Amino acid sequence: MTTGLTSSPESLAAAQAAEELGYPAIWLSGGPLPGLQTIADLIGATHSIKFVSGILSVDKYSAADVSTAYASLEKSAPGRFIVGLGGAHGPKPLAKINAFLDEVAVPEDRRLLAALGPRMLELTRDRSAGAYPFLVNAAYSAEARKVLGPEKLLAVSHLVVLETDADKARAIARNTISFFPQIPGYAASLKRQGFSEKDQTELPDHMVDALAAWGTPADIKAKLTEHLDAGADHVTVNVITGVTGPQPVEQWRTLATTLLA
């Protein structure tokens, strides 16, 4: 699952609940999080569930600090922290990621890249264990698999709304999606997926339905399975509720019976 957790007692309890429900990994949302100390705190509060930084921005964290955090966690909790990297902005993002990878002391098979475009996917194939794209449809997964080849991990983060009322579900999803076309990298990715500038402005139902799974747990599982059928190895469940604040533990619980069966 993909979620934004902190070091707060509520977040630590949510991580423990996810582990008890049987989720294999927690992918920590980007933005100002995850902090390196937060990752250590979450690992310390749980027993075996894996954590993936999804993502650590190379614009915000130094290779030295990431290397130190990885080494420390690998010593205290071996195998439980996978380093997800991305967030390079400016005129030469590929060069910036490449330079970071040259410096960071994290083995290739323990690092992932938040790849969207074809050149970033190629870099992912050549210098990491796999790709972690967000806001993509199943057709994207099929194309990404062609670029990555059969051996690399393709883990897709997909929005999920546990709501059967179409208008309510789409409104919740649309509110989240609306931010991303303002970001050049996401706008370009959405265009490559066939969504026009008008689509990206108006967010029509067909676009929302492609980028967010909603309905019953069975409906949601069917939608997520489209990625697996297209070549993804793993789909991370990014549950959104339209309400900020509490972690959606009850939704995780409801989905677990179907998704983890």
C-alpha atoms as a PDB file:
ATOM      1  CA  MET A   1       0.000   0.000   0.000  1.00  0.00           C
ATOM      2  CA  THR A   2       1.003   3.625  -0.522  1.00  0.00           C
ATOM      3  CA  THR A   3       0.397   6.015   2.332  1.00  0.00           C
ATOM      4  CA  GLY A   4       1.825   9.046   4.072  1.00  0.00           C
ATOM      5  CA  LEU A   5       2.956   8.100   7.549  1.00  0.00           C
ATOM      6  CA  THR A   6       4.869  10.104  10.124  1.00  0.00           C
ATOM      7  CA  SER A   7       6.433   9.238  13.458  1.00  0.00           C
ATOM      8  CA  SER A   8       3.225  10.090  15.325  1.00  0.00           C
ATOM      9  CA  PRO A   9       1.627   7.473  17.588  1.00  0.00           C
ATOM     10  CA  GLU A  10      -1.348   7.290  15.181  1.00  0.00           C
ATOM     11  CA  SER A  11       0.938   6.567  12.237  1.00  0.00           C
ATOM     12  CA  LEU A  12       2.955   3.972  14.111  1.00  0.00           C
ATOM     13  CA  ALA A  13      -0.275   2.221  15.107  1.00  0.00           C
ATOM     14  CA  ALA A  14      -1.459   2.346  11.488  1.00  0.00           C
ATOM     15  CA  ALA A  15       1.772   0.709  10.312  1.00  0.00           C
ATOM     16  CA  GLN A  16       1.324  -2.006  12.935  1.00  0.00           C
ATOM     17  CA  ALA A  17      -2.252  -2.558  11.755  1.00  0.00           C
ATOM     18  CA  ALA A  18      -1.135  -2.881   8.130  1.00  0.00           C
ATOM     19  CA  GLU A  19       1.426  -5.466   9.162  1.00  0.00           C
ATOM     20  CA  GLU A  20      -1.146  -7.429  11.160  1.00  0.00           C
ATOM     21  CA  LEU A  21      -3.522  -7.392   8.176  1.00  0.00           C
ATOM     22  CA  GLY A  22      -0.873  -9.064   6.046  1.00  0.00           C
ATOM     23  CA  TYR A  23       0.172  -6.272   3.696  1.00  0.00           C
ATOM     24  CA  PRO A  24       3.701  -7.108   2.528  1.00  0.00           C
ATOM     25  CA  ALA A  25       5.025  -3.561   2.217  1.00  0.00           C
ATOM     26  CA  ILE A  26       4.261   0.075   2.907  1.00  0.00           C
ATOM     27  CA  TRP A  27       5.292   2.547   0.240  1.00  0.00           C
ATOM     28  CA  LEU A  28       5.770   5.908   1.920  1.00  0.00           C
ATOM     29  CA  SER A  29       4.400   8.878   0.001  1.00  0.00           C
ATOM     30  CA  GLY A  30       6.666  11.603  -1.297  1.00  0.00           C
ATOM     31  CA  GLY A  31       6.339  15.341  -0.826  1.00  0.00           C
ATOM     32  CA  PRO A  32       7.862  16.487   2.470  1.00  0.00           C
ATOM     33  CA  LEU A  33       7.769  12.876   3.583  1.00  0.00           C
ATOM     34  CA  PRO A  34       9.180  10.356   4.117  1.00  0.00           C
ATOM     35  CA  GLY A  35      11.871  11.626   6.399  1.00  0.00           C
ATOM     36  CA  LEU A  36      14.782   9.313   7.088  1.00  0.00           C
ATOM     37  CA  GLN A  37      14.053   9.357  10.818  1.00  0.00           C
ATOM     38  CA  THR A  38      10.392   8.574  10.121  1.00  0.00           C
ATOM     39  CA  ILE A  39      11.421   5.484   8.175  1.00  0.00           C
ATOM     40  CA  ALA A  40      13.603   4.352  11.074  1.00  0.00           C
ATOM     41  CA  ASP A  41      10.786   4.957  13.548  1.00  0.00           C
ATOM     42  CA  LEU A  42       8.270   2.985  11.483  1.00  0.00           C
ATOM     43  CA  ILE A  43      10.644   0.061  11.050  1.00  0.00           C
ATOM     44  CA  GLY A  44      11.355   0.120  14.778  1.00  0.00           C
ATOM     45  CA  ALA A  45       7.633   0.000  15.580  1.00  0.00           C
ATOM     46  CA  THR A  46       6.966  -3.066  13.408  1.00  0.00           C
ATOM     47  CA  HIS A  47       8.417  -6.539  13.043  1.00  0.00           C
ATOM     48  CA  SER A  48       8.709  -7.720   9.449  1.00  0.00           C
ATOM     49  CA  ILE A  49       6.789  -5.527   7.013  1.00  0.00           C
ATOM     50  CA  LYS A  50       8.990  -3.819   4.430  1.00  0.00           C
ATOM     51  CA  PHE A  51       9.115  -0.089   3.843  1.00  0.00           C
ATOM     52  CA  VAL A  52       9.874   1.595   0.542  1.00  0.00           C
ATOM     53  CA  SER A  53      10.535   5.310   0.314  1.00  0.00           C
ATOM     54  CA  GLY A  54       8.182   6.344  -2.435  1.00  0.00           C
ATOM     55  CA  ILE A  55       9.977   8.621  -2.876  1.00  0.00           C
ATOM     56  CA  LEU A  56      13.075  10.230  -1.378  1.00  0.00           C
ATOM     57  CA  SER A  57      13.627  13.322  -3.485  1.00  0.00           C
ATOM     58  CA  VAL A  58      17.205  13.742  -4.667  1.00  0.00           C
ATOM     59  CA  ASP A  59      16.552  17.484  -4.520  1.00  0.00           C
ATOM     60  CA  LYS A  60      16.002  17.260  -0.760  1.00  0.00           C
ATOM     61  CA  TYR A  61      18.263  14.480   0.500  1.00  0.00           C
ATOM     62  CA  SER A  62      21.994  14.037   0.046  1.00  0.00           C
ATOM     63  CA  ALA A  63      23.478  10.776  -1.157  1.00  0.00           C
ATOM     64  CA  ALA A  64      25.566  10.682   2.016  1.00  0.00           C
ATOM     65  CA  ASP A  65      22.544  10.942   4.311  1.00  0.00           C
ATOM     66  CA  VAL A  66      20.603   8.304   2.383  1.00  0.00           C
ATOM     67  CA  SER A  67      23.635   6.011   2.420  1.00  0.00           C
ATOM     68  CA  THR A  68      24.048   6.408   6.182  1.00  0.00           C
ATOM     69  CA  ALA A  69      20.361   5.745   6.848  1.00  0.00           C
ATOM     70  CA  TYR A  70      20.350   2.677   4.609  1.00  0.00           C
ATOM     71  CA  ALA A  71      23.471   1.228   6.251  1.00  0.00           C
ATOM     72  CA  SER A  72      22.058   1.772   9.730  1.00  0.00           C
ATOM     73  CA  LEU A  73      18.706   0.166   8.917  1.00  0.00           C
ATOM     74  CA  GLU A  74      20.321  -2.692   7.044  1.00  0.00           C
ATOM     75  CA  LYS A  75      22.286  -3.438  10.184  1.00  0.00           C
ATOM     76  CA  SER A  76      19.345  -3.212  12.604  1.00  0.00           C
ATOM     77  CA  ALA A  77      16.577  -4.542  10.338  1.00  0.00           C
ATOM     78  CA  PRO A  78      18.165  -6.259   7.320  1.00  0.00           C
ATOM     79  CA  GLY A  79      16.086  -6.405   4.163  1.00  0.00           C
ATOM     80  CA  ARG A  80      13.280  -4.161   5.383  1.00  0.00           C
ATOM     81  CA  PHE A  81      14.161  -0.846   3.741  1.00  0.00           C
ATOM     82  CA  ILE A  82      14.139  -0.413  -0.039  1.00  0.00           C
ATOM     83  CA  VAL A  83      15.291   2.980  -1.235  1.00  0.00           C
ATOM     84  CA  GLY A  84      12.923   4.620  -3.700  1.00  0.00           C
ATOM     85  CA  LEU A  85      14.436   7.677  -5.357  1.00  0.00           C
ATOM     86  CA  GLY A  86      13.189  10.402  -7.673  1.00  0.00           C
ATOM     87  CA  GLY A  87      12.056  14.003  -7.574  1.00  0.00           C
ATOM     88  CA  ALA A  88      14.825  15.445  -9.736  1.00  0.00           C
ATOM     89  CA  HIS A  89      13.706  18.772 -11.193  1.00  0.00           C
ATOM     90  CA  GLY A  90      15.361  21.414 -13.289  1.00  0.00           C
ATOM     91  CA  PRO A  91      16.805  21.266 -16.802  1.00  0.00           C
ATOM     92  CA  LYS A  92      18.675  17.940 -16.516  1.00  0.00           C
ATOM     93  CA  PRO A  93      16.802  15.493 -14.269  1.00  0.00           C
ATOM     94  CA  LEU A  94      18.406  12.396 -15.794  1.00  0.00           C
ATOM     95  CA  ALA A  95      21.880  13.757 -15.162  1.00  0.00           C
ATOM     96  CA  LYS A  96      20.941  14.631 -11.592  1.00  0.00           C
ATOM     97  CA  ILE A  97      19.593  11.137 -10.870  1.00  0.00           C
ATOM     98  CA  ASN A  98      22.650   9.575 -12.509  1.00  0.00           C
ATOM     99  CA  ALA A  99      24.992  11.644 -10.374  1.00  0.00           C
ATOM    100  CA  PHE A 100      23.072  10.715  -7.233  1.00  0.00           C
ATOM    101  CA  LEU A 101      23.264   7.018  -8.129  1.00  0.00           C
ATOM    102  CA  ASP A 102      27.010   7.377  -8.629  1.00  0.00           C
ATOM    103  CA  GLU A 103      27.346   8.634  -5.061  1.00  0.00           C
ATOM    104  CA  VAL A 104      24.756   6.740  -3.031  1.00  0.00           C
ATOM    105  CA  ALA A 105      25.976   3.605  -1.237  1.00  0.00           C
ATOM    106  CA  VAL A 106      22.872   1.513  -1.773  1.00  0.00           C
ATOM    107  CA  PRO A 107      23.122  -1.689  -3.836  1.00  0.00           C
ATOM    108  CA  GLU A 108      21.419  -1.603  -7.221  1.00  0.00           C
ATOM    109  CA  ASP A 109      19.024  -4.370  -6.224  1.00  0.00           C
ATOM    110  CA  ARG A 110      17.835  -2.370  -3.217  1.00  0.00           C
ATOM    111  CA  ARG A 111      16.950   0.870  -4.982  1.00  0.00           C
ATOM    112  CA  LEU A 112      14.029   1.840  -7.198  1.00  0.00           C
ATOM    113  CA  LEU A 113      13.315   4.902  -9.318  1.00  0.00           C
ATOM    114  CA  ALA A 114      10.064   6.819  -9.668  1.00  0.00           C
ATOM    115  CA  ALA A 115      10.164   6.560 -13.452  1.00  0.00           C
ATOM    116  CA  LEU A 116       7.515   7.908 -15.817  1.00  0.00           C
ATOM    117  CA  GLY A 117       9.078   8.820 -19.165  1.00  0.00           C
ATOM    118  CA  PRO A 118      10.858   6.410 -21.514  1.00  0.00           C
ATOM    119  CA  ARG A 119      14.356   7.752 -20.829  1.00  0.00           C
ATOM    120  CA  MET A 120      13.859   7.500 -17.066  1.00  0.00           C
ATOM    121  CA  LEU A 121      12.592   3.949 -17.547  1.00  0.00           C
ATOM    122  CA  GLU A 122      15.752   3.138 -19.481  1.00  0.00           C
ATOM    123  CA  LEU A 123      17.856   4.561 -16.661  1.00  0.00           C
ATOM    124  CA  THR A 124      15.788   2.518 -14.221  1.00  0.00           C
ATOM    125  CA  ARG A 125      16.462  -0.626 -16.226  1.00  0.00           C
ATOM    126  CA  ASP A 126      20.197   0.048 -16.306  1.00  0.00           C
ATOM    127  CA  ARG A 127      20.837   1.300 -12.777  1.00  0.00           C
ATOM    128  CA  SER A 128      18.199   0.053 -10.331  1.00  0.00           C
ATOM    129  CA  ALA A 129      16.015  -2.866  -9.340  1.00  0.00           C
ATOM    130  CA  GLY A 130      12.934  -1.409 -11.013  1.00  0.00           C
ATOM    131  CA  ALA A 131      10.394   1.346 -11.479  1.00  0.00           C
ATOM    132  CA  TYR A 132       7.740   2.849  -9.264  1.00  0.00           C
ATOM    133  CA  PRO A 133       5.356   4.933 -11.418  1.00  0.00           C
ATOM    134  CA  PHE A 134       2.260   6.745 -10.190  1.00  0.00           C
ATOM    135  CA  LEU A 135      -0.868   7.967 -11.972  1.00  0.00           C
ATOM    136  CA  VAL A 136      -0.658   5.567 -14.872  1.00  0.00           C
ATOM    137  CA  ASN A 137      -3.096   3.281 -16.649  1.00  0.00           C
ATOM    138  CA  ALA A 138      -2.689  -0.375 -17.578  1.00  0.00           C
ATOM    139  CA  ALA A 139      -1.536   0.497 -21.103  1.00  0.00           C
ATOM    140  CA  TYR A 140       1.367   2.368 -19.504  1.00  0.00           C
ATOM    141  CA  SER A 141       2.292  -0.755 -17.536  1.00  0.00           C
ATOM    142  CA  ALA A 142       2.447  -2.745 -20.758  1.00  0.00           C
ATOM    143  CA  GLU A 143       4.744  -0.178 -22.408  1.00  0.00           C
ATOM    144  CA  ALA A 144       6.909   0.140 -19.297  1.00  0.00           C
ATOM    145  CA  ARG A 145       7.402  -3.613 -19.195  1.00  0.00           C
ATOM    146  CA  LYS A 146       8.716  -3.521 -22.763  1.00  0.00           C
ATOM    147  CA  VAL A 147      11.306  -0.914 -21.805  1.00  0.00           C
ATOM    148  CA  LEU A 148      12.300  -2.507 -18.512  1.00  0.00           C
ATOM    149  CA  GLY A 149      12.537  -6.028 -19.865  1.00  0.00           C
ATOM    150  CA  PRO A 150      11.389  -9.160 -18.052  1.00  0.00           C
ATOM    151  CA  GLU A 151      13.703  -9.076 -15.046  1.00  0.00           C
ATOM    152  CA  LYS A 152      13.176  -5.645 -13.493  1.00  0.00           C
ATOM    153  CA  LEU A 153      10.473  -4.874 -10.926  1.00  0.00           C
ATOM    154  CA  LEU A 154       7.490  -2.814 -12.038  1.00  0.00           C
ATOM    155  CA  ALA A 155       5.497  -1.628  -9.015  1.00  0.00           C
ATOM    156  CA  VAL A 156       2.603   0.697  -9.835  1.00  0.00           C
ATOM    157  CA  SER A 157       0.967   3.020  -7.311  1.00  0.00           C
ATOM    158  CA  HIS A 158      -2.760   3.227  -8.082  1.00  0.00           C
ATOM    159  CA  LEU A 159      -5.397   5.432  -6.482  1.00  0.00           C
ATOM    160  CA  VAL A 160      -8.222   3.548  -4.754  1.00  0.00           C
ATOM    161  CA  VAL A 161     -11.572   4.861  -3.532  1.00  0.00           C
ATOM    162  CA  LEU A 162     -13.668   2.431  -1.514  1.00  0.00           C
ATOM    163  CA  GLU A 163     -16.988   3.963  -2.595  1.00  0.00           C
ATOM    164  CA  THR A 164     -19.722   2.449  -4.779  1.00  0.00           C
ATOM    165  CA  ASP A 165     -21.511   5.698  -5.603  1.00  0.00           C
ATOM    166  CA  ALA A 166     -19.976   6.725  -8.935  1.00  0.00           C
ATOM    167  CA  ASP A 167     -20.379  10.467  -8.461  1.00  0.00           C
ATOM    168  CA  LYS A 168     -18.906  10.435  -4.960  1.00  0.00           C
ATOM    169  CA  ALA A 169     -16.043   8.127  -5.906  1.00  0.00           C
ATOM    170  CA  ARG A 170     -15.089  10.143  -8.975  1.00  0.00           C
ATOM    171  CA  ALA A 171     -15.288  13.415  -7.050  1.00  0.00           C
ATOM    172  CA  ILE A 172     -12.836  12.109  -4.454  1.00  0.00           C
ATOM    173  CA  ALA A 173     -10.473  10.800  -7.126  1.00  0.00           C
ATOM    174  CA  ARG A 174     -10.802  13.918  -9.283  1.00  0.00           C
ATOM    175  CA  ASN A 175      -9.846  16.134  -6.356  1.00  0.00           C
ATOM    176  CA  THR A 176      -6.588  14.222  -5.906  1.00  0.00           C
ATOM    177  CA  ILE A 177      -5.780  13.865  -9.597  1.00  0.00           C
ATOM    178  CA  SER A 178      -6.385  17.556 -10.351  1.00  0.00           C
ATOM    179  CA  PHE A 179      -3.088  18.647  -8.797  1.00  0.00           C
ATOM    180  CA  PHE A 180      -0.813  16.524 -10.972  1.00  0.00           C
ATOM    181  CA  PRO A 181      -1.405  17.926 -14.482  1.00  0.00           C
ATOM    182  CA  GLN A 182       0.114  21.142 -13.118  1.00  0.00           C
ATOM    183  CA  ILE A 183       3.458  19.330 -12.763  1.00  0.00           C
ATOM    184  CA  PRO A 184       5.311  19.146 -16.109  1.00  0.00           C
ATOM    185  CA  GLY A 185       6.518  15.572 -15.694  1.00  0.00           C
ATOM    186  CA  TYR A 186       3.042  14.274 -14.903  1.00  0.00           C
ATOM    187  CA  ALA A 187       1.447  16.385 -17.630  1.00  0.00           C
ATOM    188  CA  ALA A 188       3.826  14.858 -20.165  1.00  0.00           C
ATOM    189  CA  SER A 189       3.170  11.362 -18.840  1.00  0.00           C
ATOM    190  CA  LEU A 190      -0.597  11.833 -19.048  1.00  0.00           C
ATOM    191  CA  LYS A 191      -0.246  13.126 -22.614  1.00  0.00           C
ATOM    192  CA  ARG A 192       1.770  10.029 -23.567  1.00  0.00           C
ATOM    193  CA  GLN A 193      -1.046   7.934 -22.105  1.00  0.00           C
ATOM    194  CA  GLY A 194      -3.475   9.595 -24.502  1.00  0.00           C
ATOM    195  CA  PHE A 195      -5.028  12.236 -22.269  1.00  0.00           C
ATOM    196  CA  SER A 196      -5.345  15.550 -24.097  1.00  0.00           C
ATOM    197  CA  GLU A 197      -4.811  18.998 -22.621  1.00  0.00           C
ATOM    198  CA  LYS A 198      -8.586  19.307 -22.433  1.00  0.00           C
ATOM    199  CA  ASP A 199      -8.769  15.995 -20.558  1.00  0.00           C
ATOM    200  CA  GLN A 200      -6.128  17.175 -18.129  1.00  0.00           C
ATOM    201  CA  THR A 201      -8.077  20.361 -17.476  1.00  0.00           C
ATOM    202  CA  GLU A 202     -11.581  18.897 -17.244  1.00  0.00           C
ATOM    203  CA  LEU A 203     -10.714  15.415 -15.861  1.00  0.00           C
ATOM    204  CA  PRO A 204     -13.582  13.578 -17.614  1.00  0.00           C
ATOM    205  CA  ASP A 205     -14.991  10.357 -16.211  1.00  0.00           C
ATOM    206  CA  HIS A 206     -13.047   8.112 -18.580  1.00  0.00           C
ATOM    207  CA  MET A 207      -9.769   9.643 -17.405  1.00  0.00           C
ATOM    208  CA  VAL A 208     -10.667   9.370 -13.729  1.00  0.00           C
ATOM    209  CA  ASP A 209     -11.765   5.770 -14.215  1.00  0.00           C
ATOM    210  CA  ALA A 210      -8.454   4.908 -15.881  1.00  0.00           C
ATOM    211  CA  LEU A 211      -6.368   6.397 -13.085  1.00  0.00           C
ATOM    212  CA  ALA A 212      -8.409   5.473 -10.004  1.00  0.00           C
ATOM    213  CA  ALA A 213     -10.030   2.205  -8.960  1.00  0.00           C
ATOM    214  CA  TRP A 214     -13.344   2.586  -7.156  1.00  0.00           C
ATOM    215  CA  GLY A 215     -16.368   0.519  -6.143  1.00  0.00           C
ATOM    216  CA  THR A 216     -16.522  -2.669  -4.110  1.00  0.00           C
ATOM    217  CA  PRO A 217     -13.365  -4.512  -3.077  1.00  0.00           C
ATOM    218  CA  ALA A 218     -14.014  -6.936  -5.946  1.00  0.00           C
ATOM    219  CA  ASP A 219     -14.372  -4.036  -8.405  1.00  0.00           C
ATOM    220  CA  ILE A 220     -11.132  -2.546  -7.146  1.00  0.00           C
ATOM    221  CA  LYS A 221      -9.264  -5.839  -7.356  1.00  0.00           C
ATOM    222  CA  ALA A 222     -10.417  -6.287 -10.955  1.00  0.00           C
ATOM    223  CA  LYS A 223      -9.112  -2.825 -11.858  1.00  0.00           C
ATOM    224  CA  LEU A 224      -5.761  -3.356 -10.175  1.00  0.00           C
ATOM    225  CA  THR A 225      -5.406  -6.743 -11.847  1.00  0.00           C
ATOM    226  CA  GLU A 226      -5.383  -4.952 -15.212  1.00  0.00           C
ATOM    227  CA  HIS A 227      -1.898  -3.701 -14.325  1.00  0.00           C
ATOM    228  CA  LEU A 228      -0.739  -7.191 -13.377  1.00  0.00           C
ATOM    229  CA  ASP A 229      -2.106  -8.612 -16.604  1.00  0.00           C
ATOM    230  CA  ALA A 230      -0.272  -5.870 -18.506  1.00  0.00           C
ATOM    231  CA  GLY A 231       3.083  -6.746 -16.961  1.00  0.00           C
ATOM    232  CA  ALA A 232       3.310  -5.119 -13.536  1.00  0.00           C
ATOM    233  CA  ASP A 233       4.714  -7.249 -10.724  1.00  0.00           C
ATOM    234  CA  HIS A 234       3.069  -5.380  -7.886  1.00  0.00           C
ATOM    235  CA  VAL A 235       0.341  -2.778  -7.441  1.00  0.00           C
ATOM    236  CA  THR A 236       0.464  -0.548  -4.404  1.00  0.00           C
ATOM    237  CA  VAL A 237      -2.945   0.472  -3.068  1.00  0.00           C
ATOM    238  CA  ASN A 238      -3.115   4.237  -2.537  1.00  0.00           C
ATOM    239  CA  VAL A 239      -6.399   4.630  -0.630  1.00  0.00           C
ATOM    240  CA  ILE A 240      -7.931   8.097  -0.689  1.00  0.00           C
ATOM    241  CA  THR A 241     -11.088   9.074   1.168  1.00  0.00           C
ATOM    242  CA  GLY A 242     -11.531  12.777   0.504  1.00  0.00           C
ATOM    243  CA  VAL A 243     -10.754  13.463   4.163  1.00  0.00           C
ATOM    244  CA  THR A 244      -7.344  14.564   5.384  1.00  0.00           C
ATOM    245  CA  GLY A 245      -5.965  13.424   8.676  1.00  0.00           C
ATOM    246  CA  PRO A 246      -6.550   9.869   9.915  1.00  0.00           C
ATOM    247  CA  GLN A 247      -4.965   6.947   8.120  1.00  0.00           C
ATOM    248  CA  PRO A 248      -7.604   4.847   6.282  1.00  0.00           C
ATOM    249  CA  VAL A 249      -7.042   1.766   8.424  1.00  0.00           C
ATOM    250  CA  GLU A 250     -10.653   0.608   8.205  1.00  0.00           C
ATOM    251  CA  GLN A 251     -10.507   0.796   4.411  1.00  0.00           C
ATOM    252  CA  TRP A 252      -7.267  -1.188   4.460  1.00  0.00           C
ATOM    253  CA  ARG A 253      -9.026  -3.744   6.628  1.00  0.00           C
ATOM    254  CA  THR A 254     -12.024  -3.988   4.293  1.00  0.00           C
ATOM    255  CA  LEU A 255      -9.804  -4.351   1.221  1.00  0.00           C
ATOM    256  CA  ALA A 256      -7.424  -6.869   2.774  1.00  0.00           C
ATOM    257  CA  THR A 257      -9.906  -9.745   2.699  1.00  0.00           C
ATOM    258  CA  THR A 258     -10.220  -9.441  -1.077  1.00  0.00           C
ATOM    259  CA  LEU A 259      -6.865  -8.071  -2.167  1.00  0.00           C
ATOM    260  CA  LEU A 260      -4.700 -10.350  -0.021  1.00  0.00           C
ATOM    261  CA  ALA A 261      -6.739 -13.519  -0.569  1.00  0.00           C
END
